[in-house]
């Protein structure tokens, strides 16, 4: 199996029928900013409950080649004691319903003793152009998973299978992972630092601000490479920002 060479090739290699032209445009832009850029914009706008940090959730990549970006397909696992009925699909057959180009988000309320993901599932998902899996549950077959190009993020590892112990209680419903509500079709970007989840109705605005954040950081790097101190960098950036604001004021029609 050939490994994707760039972040964008992961996305463009899958022509998901569930993606609109707007989805494709948004995801290509999202794929070019970082989880940190998006998290900073959430913070500056006071938007809470959209970031899943590795430090607090325990979710980390166990197989990773580049940041994972796509639309969420949600699955909820629970234990057999849960009063909710199983939906009639076992703990792996739900994969038959996942459209290509999806990021599988598994919310697991049953604990980490038994695995919710494994090597065969990675192989199947990769063959069917699913982009990756993120779960707050455990994975197994770690050695096999790491031989494949399919990205997996999990909160632990377990040799024990979940068959006969866990059940699927919901597909394509709102799930909660580490305090973050994830809806079907939300945009997801995941890196080694953490995971950000974007509401499609807010995504364009958030990404536009993240793109400006990326541009500002690139300018900081250029100034440092030219020998600027951090004090001088801050001064230069503030001057440039003020100059842009003045130019914008003079170019605005009707403004004297």
C-alpha atoms as a PDB file:
ATOM      1  CA  UNK A   1       0.000   0.000   0.000  1.00  0.00           C
ATOM      2  CA  UNK A   2       1.374   3.399  -1.000  1.00  0.00           C
ATOM      3  CA  UNK A   3       1.699   5.985   1.733  1.00  0.00           C
ATOM      4  CA  UNK A   4       0.395   9.485   1.075  1.00  0.00           C
ATOM      5  CA  UNK A   5       3.267  11.895   0.511  1.00  0.00           C
ATOM      6  CA  UNK A   6       1.516  15.123   1.502  1.00  0.00           C
ATOM      7  CA  UNK A   7      -1.308  16.304   3.733  1.00  0.00           C
ATOM      8  CA  UNK A   8      -3.451  17.276   0.772  1.00  0.00           C
ATOM      9  CA  UNK A   9      -3.038  13.958  -1.018  1.00  0.00           C
ATOM     10  CA  UNK A  10      -4.813  12.210   1.864  1.00  0.00           C
ATOM     11  CA  UNK A  11      -7.860  14.342   1.175  1.00  0.00           C
ATOM     12  CA  UNK A  12      -7.782  14.496  -2.621  1.00  0.00           C
ATOM     13  CA  UNK A  13      -7.247  10.740  -2.990  1.00  0.00           C
ATOM     14  CA  UNK A  14     -10.783  10.228  -1.738  1.00  0.00           C
ATOM     15  CA  UNK A  15     -13.638  11.492  -3.918  1.00  0.00           C
ATOM     16  CA  UNK A  16     -16.377  11.065  -1.351  1.00  0.00           C
ATOM     17  CA  UNK A  17     -19.888  11.147  -2.754  1.00  0.00           C
ATOM     18  CA  UNK A  18     -21.022  12.686   0.548  1.00  0.00           C
ATOM     19  CA  UNK A  19     -18.817  15.738  -0.075  1.00  0.00           C
ATOM     20  CA  UNK A  20     -20.234  18.845  -1.716  1.00  0.00           C
ATOM     21  CA  UNK A  21     -18.018  21.266  -3.615  1.00  0.00           C
ATOM     22  CA  UNK A  22     -18.234  23.522  -0.561  1.00  0.00           C
ATOM     23  CA  UNK A  23     -17.008  20.668   1.674  1.00  0.00           C
ATOM     24  CA  UNK A  24     -14.041  20.023  -0.591  1.00  0.00           C
ATOM     25  CA  UNK A  25     -13.076  23.700  -0.657  1.00  0.00           C
ATOM     26  CA  UNK A  26     -13.385  24.058   3.123  1.00  0.00           C
ATOM     27  CA  UNK A  27     -11.402  20.899   3.827  1.00  0.00           C
ATOM     28  CA  UNK A  28      -8.601  21.813   1.432  1.00  0.00           C
ATOM     29  CA  UNK A  29      -8.217  25.123   3.263  1.00  0.00           C
ATOM     30  CA  UNK A  30      -8.498  23.490   6.687  1.00  0.00           C
ATOM     31  CA  UNK A  31      -5.827  20.999   5.670  1.00  0.00           C
ATOM     32  CA  UNK A  32      -3.355  23.871   5.163  1.00  0.00           C
ATOM     33  CA  UNK A  33      -3.648  25.354   8.652  1.00  0.00           C
ATOM     34  CA  UNK A  34      -2.734  23.682  11.946  1.00  0.00           C
ATOM     35  CA  UNK A  35      -4.753  22.498  14.913  1.00  0.00           C
ATOM     36  CA  UNK A  36      -2.934  25.202  16.900  1.00  0.00           C
ATOM     37  CA  UNK A  37      -4.060  27.937  14.507  1.00  0.00           C
ATOM     38  CA  UNK A  38      -7.675  26.840  14.822  1.00  0.00           C
ATOM     39  CA  UNK A  39      -7.465  26.411  18.607  1.00  0.00           C
ATOM     40  CA  UNK A  40      -6.056  29.949  18.921  1.00  0.00           C
ATOM     41  CA  UNK A  41      -8.969  31.343  16.904  1.00  0.00           C
ATOM     42  CA  UNK A  42     -11.484  29.449  19.052  1.00  0.00           C
ATOM     43  CA  UNK A  43      -9.772  30.944  22.103  1.00  0.00           C
ATOM     44  CA  UNK A  44      -9.768  34.503  20.750  1.00  0.00           C
ATOM     45  CA  UNK A  45     -13.476  34.263  19.850  1.00  0.00           C
ATOM     46  CA  UNK A  46     -14.428  32.672  23.172  1.00  0.00           C
ATOM     47  CA  UNK A  47     -15.638  29.471  21.495  1.00  0.00           C
ATOM     48  CA  UNK A  48     -15.399  26.626  24.003  1.00  0.00           C
ATOM     49  CA  UNK A  49     -15.859  22.873  23.772  1.00  0.00           C
ATOM     50  CA  UNK A  50     -14.319  22.447  20.323  1.00  0.00           C
ATOM     51  CA  UNK A  51     -10.785  21.264  21.188  1.00  0.00           C
ATOM     52  CA  UNK A  52      -9.750  17.770  22.307  1.00  0.00           C
ATOM     53  CA  UNK A  53      -6.241  18.059  23.726  1.00  0.00           C
ATOM     54  CA  UNK A  54      -3.982  15.023  24.000  1.00  0.00           C
ATOM     55  CA  UNK A  55      -2.922  16.066  27.508  1.00  0.00           C
ATOM     56  CA  UNK A  56      -6.446  15.949  28.945  1.00  0.00           C
ATOM     57  CA  UNK A  57      -8.160  13.318  26.782  1.00  0.00           C
ATOM     58  CA  UNK A  58      -5.321  10.803  26.542  1.00  0.00           C
ATOM     59  CA  UNK A  59      -6.064  10.484  22.819  1.00  0.00           C
ATOM     60  CA  UNK A  60      -2.852  10.243  20.838  1.00  0.00           C
ATOM     61  CA  UNK A  61      -1.893   9.033  17.364  1.00  0.00           C
ATOM     62  CA  UNK A  62      -0.777   5.420  17.313  1.00  0.00           C
ATOM     63  CA  UNK A  63      -0.303   5.569  13.552  1.00  0.00           C
ATOM     64  CA  UNK A  64       0.446   8.937  12.031  1.00  0.00           C
ATOM     65  CA  UNK A  65       1.936  10.270   8.815  1.00  0.00           C
ATOM     66  CA  UNK A  66       0.380  13.750   8.620  1.00  0.00           C
ATOM     67  CA  UNK A  67      -2.529  15.695  10.141  1.00  0.00           C
ATOM     68  CA  UNK A  68      -5.899  14.053   9.574  1.00  0.00           C
ATOM     69  CA  UNK A  69      -8.635  16.178   8.011  1.00  0.00           C
ATOM     70  CA  UNK A  70     -12.183  15.262   6.968  1.00  0.00           C
ATOM     71  CA  UNK A  71     -15.874  15.071   7.857  1.00  0.00           C
ATOM     72  CA  UNK A  72     -16.943  13.209  10.975  1.00  0.00           C
ATOM     73  CA  UNK A  73     -18.858   9.933  10.820  1.00  0.00           C
ATOM     74  CA  UNK A  74     -19.953   9.263  14.398  1.00  0.00           C
ATOM     75  CA  UNK A  75     -20.280   5.940  16.198  1.00  0.00           C
ATOM     76  CA  UNK A  76     -21.128   5.325  19.853  1.00  0.00           C
ATOM     77  CA  UNK A  77     -20.031   2.223  21.756  1.00  0.00           C
ATOM     78  CA  UNK A  78     -21.280   1.222  25.190  1.00  0.00           C
ATOM     79  CA  UNK A  79     -21.155  -1.835  27.454  1.00  0.00           C
ATOM     80  CA  UNK A  80     -23.859  -4.476  27.629  1.00  0.00           C
ATOM     81  CA  UNK A  81     -25.191  -3.097  30.909  1.00  0.00           C
ATOM     82  CA  UNK A  82     -26.253   0.108  29.172  1.00  0.00           C
ATOM     83  CA  UNK A  83     -30.067   0.279  29.113  1.00  0.00           C
ATOM     84  CA  UNK A  84     -30.078   1.520  25.541  1.00  0.00           C
ATOM     85  CA  UNK A  85     -30.689  -1.102  22.893  1.00  0.00           C
ATOM     86  CA  UNK A  86     -28.019  -2.093  20.428  1.00  0.00           C
ATOM     87  CA  UNK A  87     -28.883  -0.921  16.915  1.00  0.00           C
ATOM     88  CA  UNK A  88     -28.548  -4.375  15.382  1.00  0.00           C
ATOM     89  CA  UNK A  89     -25.018  -3.921  14.041  1.00  0.00           C
ATOM     90  CA  UNK A  90     -22.015  -5.604  15.645  1.00  0.00           C
ATOM     91  CA  UNK A  91     -18.871  -3.792  16.679  1.00  0.00           C
ATOM     92  CA  UNK A  92     -17.285  -3.858  13.238  1.00  0.00           C
ATOM     93  CA  UNK A  93     -20.065  -4.255  10.655  1.00  0.00           C
ATOM     94  CA  UNK A  94     -20.978  -0.559  10.987  1.00  0.00           C
ATOM     95  CA  UNK A  95     -17.980   0.038   8.714  1.00  0.00           C
ATOM     96  CA  UNK A  96     -20.136  -1.104   5.811  1.00  0.00           C
ATOM     97  CA  UNK A  97     -22.113   2.129   6.168  1.00  0.00           C
ATOM     98  CA  UNK A  98     -19.228   4.607   6.430  1.00  0.00           C
ATOM     99  CA  UNK A  99     -18.832   6.638   3.228  1.00  0.00           C
ATOM    100  CA  UNK A 100     -15.407   7.150   1.718  1.00  0.00           C
ATOM    101  CA  UNK A 101     -13.676  10.365   2.745  1.00  0.00           C
ATOM    102  CA  UNK A 102     -14.987  10.134   6.322  1.00  0.00           C
ATOM    103  CA  UNK A 103     -13.130  10.437   9.591  1.00  0.00           C
ATOM    104  CA  UNK A 104     -14.616   7.824  11.925  1.00  0.00           C
ATOM    105  CA  UNK A 105     -15.197   9.293  15.390  1.00  0.00           C
ATOM    106  CA  UNK A 106     -15.926   6.581  17.981  1.00  0.00           C
ATOM    107  CA  UNK A 107     -17.296   7.771  21.290  1.00  0.00           C
ATOM    108  CA  UNK A 108     -16.792   4.978  23.800  1.00  0.00           C
ATOM    109  CA  UNK A 109     -18.561   5.139  27.175  1.00  0.00           C
ATOM    110  CA  UNK A 110     -17.613   1.584  28.144  1.00  0.00           C
ATOM    111  CA  UNK A 111     -14.029   2.116  29.315  1.00  0.00           C
ATOM    112  CA  UNK A 112     -10.695   1.047  27.870  1.00  0.00           C
ATOM    113  CA  UNK A 113     -10.452  -2.597  28.971  1.00  0.00           C
ATOM    114  CA  UNK A 114     -11.561  -3.887  25.563  1.00  0.00           C
ATOM    115  CA  UNK A 115     -10.581  -2.598  22.133  1.00  0.00           C
ATOM    116  CA  UNK A 116     -12.878  -0.764  19.718  1.00  0.00           C
ATOM    117  CA  UNK A 117     -10.422  -0.737  16.803  1.00  0.00           C
ATOM    118  CA  UNK A 118      -7.863  -3.126  15.300  1.00  0.00           C
ATOM    119  CA  UNK A 119      -5.632  -4.072  12.414  1.00  0.00           C
ATOM    120  CA  UNK A 120      -8.263  -5.677  10.164  1.00  0.00           C
ATOM    121  CA  UNK A 121     -10.513  -2.646  10.581  1.00  0.00           C
ATOM    122  CA  UNK A 122      -7.633  -0.367   9.560  1.00  0.00           C
ATOM    123  CA  UNK A 123      -7.007  -2.497   6.471  1.00  0.00           C
ATOM    124  CA  UNK A 124     -10.702  -2.477   5.520  1.00  0.00           C
ATOM    125  CA  UNK A 125     -11.079   1.262   6.118  1.00  0.00           C
ATOM    126  CA  UNK A 126      -8.005   2.084   4.063  1.00  0.00           C
ATOM    127  CA  UNK A 127      -9.217  -0.127   1.199  1.00  0.00           C
ATOM    128  CA  UNK A 128     -12.524   1.764   1.203  1.00  0.00           C
ATOM    129  CA  UNK A 129     -10.908   5.231   1.205  1.00  0.00           C
ATOM    130  CA  UNK A 130     -11.949   6.162   4.716  1.00  0.00           C
ATOM    131  CA  UNK A 131      -9.475   8.782   5.926  1.00  0.00           C
ATOM    132  CA  UNK A 132      -8.817   7.791   9.542  1.00  0.00           C
ATOM    133  CA  UNK A 133     -10.218   6.853  12.950  1.00  0.00           C
ATOM    134  CA  UNK A 134     -10.298   8.781  16.224  1.00  0.00           C
ATOM    135  CA  UNK A 135     -11.570   7.228  19.454  1.00  0.00           C
ATOM    136  CA  UNK A 136     -11.471   7.689  23.202  1.00  0.00           C
ATOM    137  CA  UNK A 137     -11.406   3.891  23.413  1.00  0.00           C
ATOM    138  CA  UNK A 138      -8.579   1.384  23.039  1.00  0.00           C
ATOM    139  CA  UNK A 139      -7.075  -0.149  19.921  1.00  0.00           C
ATOM    140  CA  UNK A 140      -5.412  -3.539  19.416  1.00  0.00           C
ATOM    141  CA  UNK A 141      -3.045  -5.012  16.811  1.00  0.00           C
ATOM    142  CA  UNK A 142      -0.858  -1.946  17.202  1.00  0.00           C
ATOM    143  CA  UNK A 143       2.064  -3.506  15.310  1.00  0.00           C
ATOM    144  CA  UNK A 144      -0.226  -4.332  12.372  1.00  0.00           C
ATOM    145  CA  UNK A 145      -1.829  -0.887  12.438  1.00  0.00           C
ATOM    146  CA  UNK A 146       1.579   0.774  12.272  1.00  0.00           C
ATOM    147  CA  UNK A 147       2.494  -1.167   9.122  1.00  0.00           C
ATOM    148  CA  UNK A 148      -0.404   0.462   7.281  1.00  0.00           C
ATOM    149  CA  UNK A 149      -0.868   4.022   5.978  1.00  0.00           C
ATOM    150  CA  UNK A 150      -4.203   4.432   7.770  1.00  0.00           C
ATOM    151  CA  UNK A 151      -4.181   7.028  10.613  1.00  0.00           C
ATOM    152  CA  UNK A 152      -5.494   5.949  14.023  1.00  0.00           C
ATOM    153  CA  UNK A 153      -5.842   8.035  17.190  1.00  0.00           C
ATOM    154  CA  UNK A 154      -6.835   6.277  20.423  1.00  0.00           C
ATOM    155  CA  UNK A 155      -6.628   6.726  24.179  1.00  0.00           C
ATOM    156  CA  UNK A 156      -4.942   3.383  24.848  1.00  0.00           C
ATOM    157  CA  UNK A 157      -4.080  -0.128  23.750  1.00  0.00           C
ATOM    158  CA  UNK A 158      -5.675  -3.425  24.726  1.00  0.00           C
ATOM    159  CA  UNK A 159      -5.193  -6.995  23.526  1.00  0.00           C
ATOM    160  CA  UNK A 160      -8.782  -7.815  24.497  1.00  0.00           C
ATOM    161  CA  UNK A 161     -11.515  -7.807  21.871  1.00  0.00           C
ATOM    162  CA  UNK A 162     -14.837  -6.105  22.504  1.00  0.00           C
ATOM    163  CA  UNK A 163     -16.988  -8.762  20.813  1.00  0.00           C
ATOM    164  CA  UNK A 164     -19.716  -9.856  23.233  1.00  0.00           C
ATOM    165  CA  UNK A 165     -18.737  -7.109  25.693  1.00  0.00           C
ATOM    166  CA  UNK A 166     -19.529  -3.842  23.924  1.00  0.00           C
ATOM    167  CA  UNK A 167     -22.374  -2.868  21.647  1.00  0.00           C
ATOM    168  CA  UNK A 168     -23.000  -0.133  19.083  1.00  0.00           C
ATOM    169  CA  UNK A 169     -25.813   2.054  20.414  1.00  0.00           C
ATOM    170  CA  UNK A 170     -25.808   4.847  17.834  1.00  0.00           C
ATOM    171  CA  UNK A 171     -24.609   5.731  14.336  1.00  0.00           C
ATOM    172  CA  UNK A 172     -24.537   9.262  12.984  1.00  0.00           C
ATOM    173  CA  UNK A 173     -25.802  10.803  16.206  1.00  0.00           C
ATOM    174  CA  UNK A 174     -24.175  13.410  18.432  1.00  0.00           C
ATOM    175  CA  UNK A 175     -21.393  11.855  20.512  1.00  0.00           C
ATOM    176  CA  UNK A 176     -19.221  13.316  23.252  1.00  0.00           C
ATOM    177  CA  UNK A 177     -15.479  12.816  23.502  1.00  0.00           C
ATOM    178  CA  UNK A 178     -13.579  14.485  26.328  1.00  0.00           C
ATOM    179  CA  UNK A 179     -16.369  17.003  26.845  1.00  0.00           C
ATOM    180  CA  UNK A 180     -16.599  17.928  23.152  1.00  0.00           C
ATOM    181  CA  UNK A 181     -19.859  17.281  21.333  1.00  0.00           C
ATOM    182  CA  UNK A 182     -19.285  15.963  17.799  1.00  0.00           C
ATOM    183  CA  UNK A 183     -22.069  15.938  15.240  1.00  0.00           C
ATOM    184  CA  UNK A 184     -22.194  13.956  12.000  1.00  0.00           C
ATOM    185  CA  UNK A 185     -20.632  16.047   9.250  1.00  0.00           C
ATOM    186  CA  UNK A 186     -18.571  18.278  11.539  1.00  0.00           C
ATOM    187  CA  UNK A 187     -15.165  19.125  10.105  1.00  0.00           C
ATOM    188  CA  UNK A 188     -12.282  17.499  11.980  1.00  0.00           C
ATOM    189  CA  UNK A 189      -8.556  18.301  11.993  1.00  0.00           C
ATOM    190  CA  UNK A 190      -6.255  16.120  14.124  1.00  0.00           C
ATOM    191  CA  UNK A 191      -2.515  16.318  14.810  1.00  0.00           C
ATOM    192  CA  UNK A 192      -0.052  15.102  17.416  1.00  0.00           C
ATOM    193  CA  UNK A 193      -1.058  18.055  19.614  1.00  0.00           C
ATOM    194  CA  UNK A 194      -4.782  17.397  19.607  1.00  0.00           C
ATOM    195  CA  UNK A 195      -8.040  17.545  17.664  1.00  0.00           C
ATOM    196  CA  UNK A 196     -10.231  20.483  16.664  1.00  0.00           C
ATOM    197  CA  UNK A 197     -13.872  20.112  15.620  1.00  0.00           C
ATOM    198  CA  UNK A 198     -15.536  22.776  13.486  1.00  0.00           C
ATOM    199  CA  UNK A 199     -19.248  23.414  13.068  1.00  0.00           C
ATOM    200  CA  UNK A 200     -19.823  23.603   9.283  1.00  0.00           C
ATOM    201  CA  UNK A 201     -21.836  26.824   9.758  1.00  0.00           C
ATOM    202  CA  UNK A 202     -18.818  28.530  11.391  1.00  0.00           C
ATOM    203  CA  UNK A 203     -16.038  26.854   9.432  1.00  0.00           C
ATOM    204  CA  UNK A 204     -15.461  29.473   6.727  1.00  0.00           C
ATOM    205  CA  UNK A 205     -15.027  32.278   9.277  1.00  0.00           C
ATOM    206  CA  UNK A 206     -12.833  30.184  11.566  1.00  0.00           C
ATOM    207  CA  UNK A 207     -10.583  29.029   8.737  1.00  0.00           C
ATOM    208  CA  UNK A 208     -10.248  32.551   7.295  1.00  0.00           C
ATOM    209  CA  UNK A 209      -8.983  33.785  10.663  1.00  0.00           C
ATOM    210  CA  UNK A 210      -6.722  30.732  11.007  1.00  0.00           C
ATOM    211  CA  UNK A 211      -5.232  31.480   7.573  1.00  0.00           C
ATOM    212  CA  UNK A 212      -4.429  35.034   8.734  1.00  0.00           C
ATOM    213  CA  UNK A 213      -2.886  33.564  11.897  1.00  0.00           C
ATOM    214  CA  UNK A 214      -0.716  31.271   9.771  1.00  0.00           C
ATOM    215  CA  UNK A 215       0.380  34.212   7.612  1.00  0.00           C
ATOM    216  CA  UNK A 216       1.311  36.253  10.692  1.00  0.00           C
ATOM    217  CA  UNK A 217       3.381  33.382  12.076  1.00  0.00           C
ATOM    218  CA  UNK A 218       5.175  32.962   8.750  1.00  0.00           C
ATOM    219  CA  UNK A 219       6.072  36.675   8.873  1.00  0.00           C
ATOM    220  CA  UNK A 220       7.412  36.261  12.415  1.00  0.00           C
ATOM    221  CA  UNK A 221       9.662  33.420  11.240  1.00  0.00           C
ATOM    222  CA  UNK A 222      10.959  35.597   8.379  1.00  0.00           C
ATOM    223  CA  UNK A 223      11.775  38.452  10.762  1.00  0.00           C
ATOM    224  CA  UNK A 224      13.577  36.133  13.185  1.00  0.00           C
ATOM    225  CA  UNK A 225      15.582  34.691  10.275  1.00  0.00           C
ATOM    226  CA  UNK A 226      16.641  38.274   9.426  1.00  0.00           C
ATOM    227  CA  UNK A 227      18.042  38.688  12.939  1.00  0.00           C
ATOM    228  CA  UNK A 228      15.192  40.529  14.654  1.00  0.00           C
ATOM    229  CA  UNK A 229      14.911  40.086  18.423  1.00  0.00           C
ATOM    230  CA  UNK A 230      11.532  39.049  19.819  1.00  0.00           C
ATOM    231  CA  UNK A 231      11.084  42.628  21.104  1.00  0.00           C
ATOM    232  CA  UNK A 232      11.751  43.986  17.604  1.00  0.00           C
ATOM    233  CA  UNK A 233       9.472  41.371  16.062  1.00  0.00           C
ATOM    234  CA  UNK A 234       6.568  42.481  18.262  1.00  0.00           C
ATOM    235  CA  UNK A 235       7.259  46.132  17.426  1.00  0.00           C
ATOM    236  CA  UNK A 236       7.490  45.460  13.692  1.00  0.00           C
ATOM    237  CA  UNK A 237       4.295  43.384  13.646  1.00  0.00           C
ATOM    238  CA  UNK A 238       2.423  46.099  15.561  1.00  0.00           C
ATOM    239  CA  UNK A 239       3.674  48.771  13.136  1.00  0.00           C
ATOM    240  CA  UNK A 240       2.660  46.698  10.118  1.00  0.00           C
ATOM    241  CA  UNK A 241      -0.784  46.083  11.588  1.00  0.00           C
ATOM    242  CA  UNK A 242      -1.275  49.802  12.239  1.00  0.00           C
ATOM    243  CA  UNK A 243      -0.118  50.635   8.703  1.00  0.00           C
ATOM    244  CA  UNK A 244      -2.598  48.172   7.214  1.00  0.00           C
ATOM    245  CA  UNK A 245      -5.414  49.659   9.289  1.00  0.00           C
ATOM    246  CA  UNK A 246      -4.538  53.179   8.062  1.00  0.00           C
ATOM    247  CA  UNK A 247      -4.403  52.002   4.424  1.00  0.00           C
ATOM    248  CA  UNK A 248      -7.745  50.268   4.796  1.00  0.00           C
ATOM    249  CA  UNK A 249      -9.261  53.430   6.308  1.00  0.00           C
ATOM    250  CA  UNK A 250      -8.114  55.610   3.401  1.00  0.00           C
ATOM    251  CA  UNK A 251      -9.210  53.121   0.753  1.00  0.00           C
ATOM    252  CA  UNK A 252     -12.711  52.648   2.185  1.00  0.00           C
ATOM    253  CA  UNK A 253     -15.298  54.492   0.018  1.00  0.00           C
ATOM    254  CA  UNK A 254     -16.920  57.422   1.811  1.00  0.00           C
ATOM    255  CA  UNK A 255     -14.197  57.651   4.467  1.00  0.00           C
ATOM    256  CA  UNK A 256     -12.310  60.975   4.553  1.00  0.00           C
END
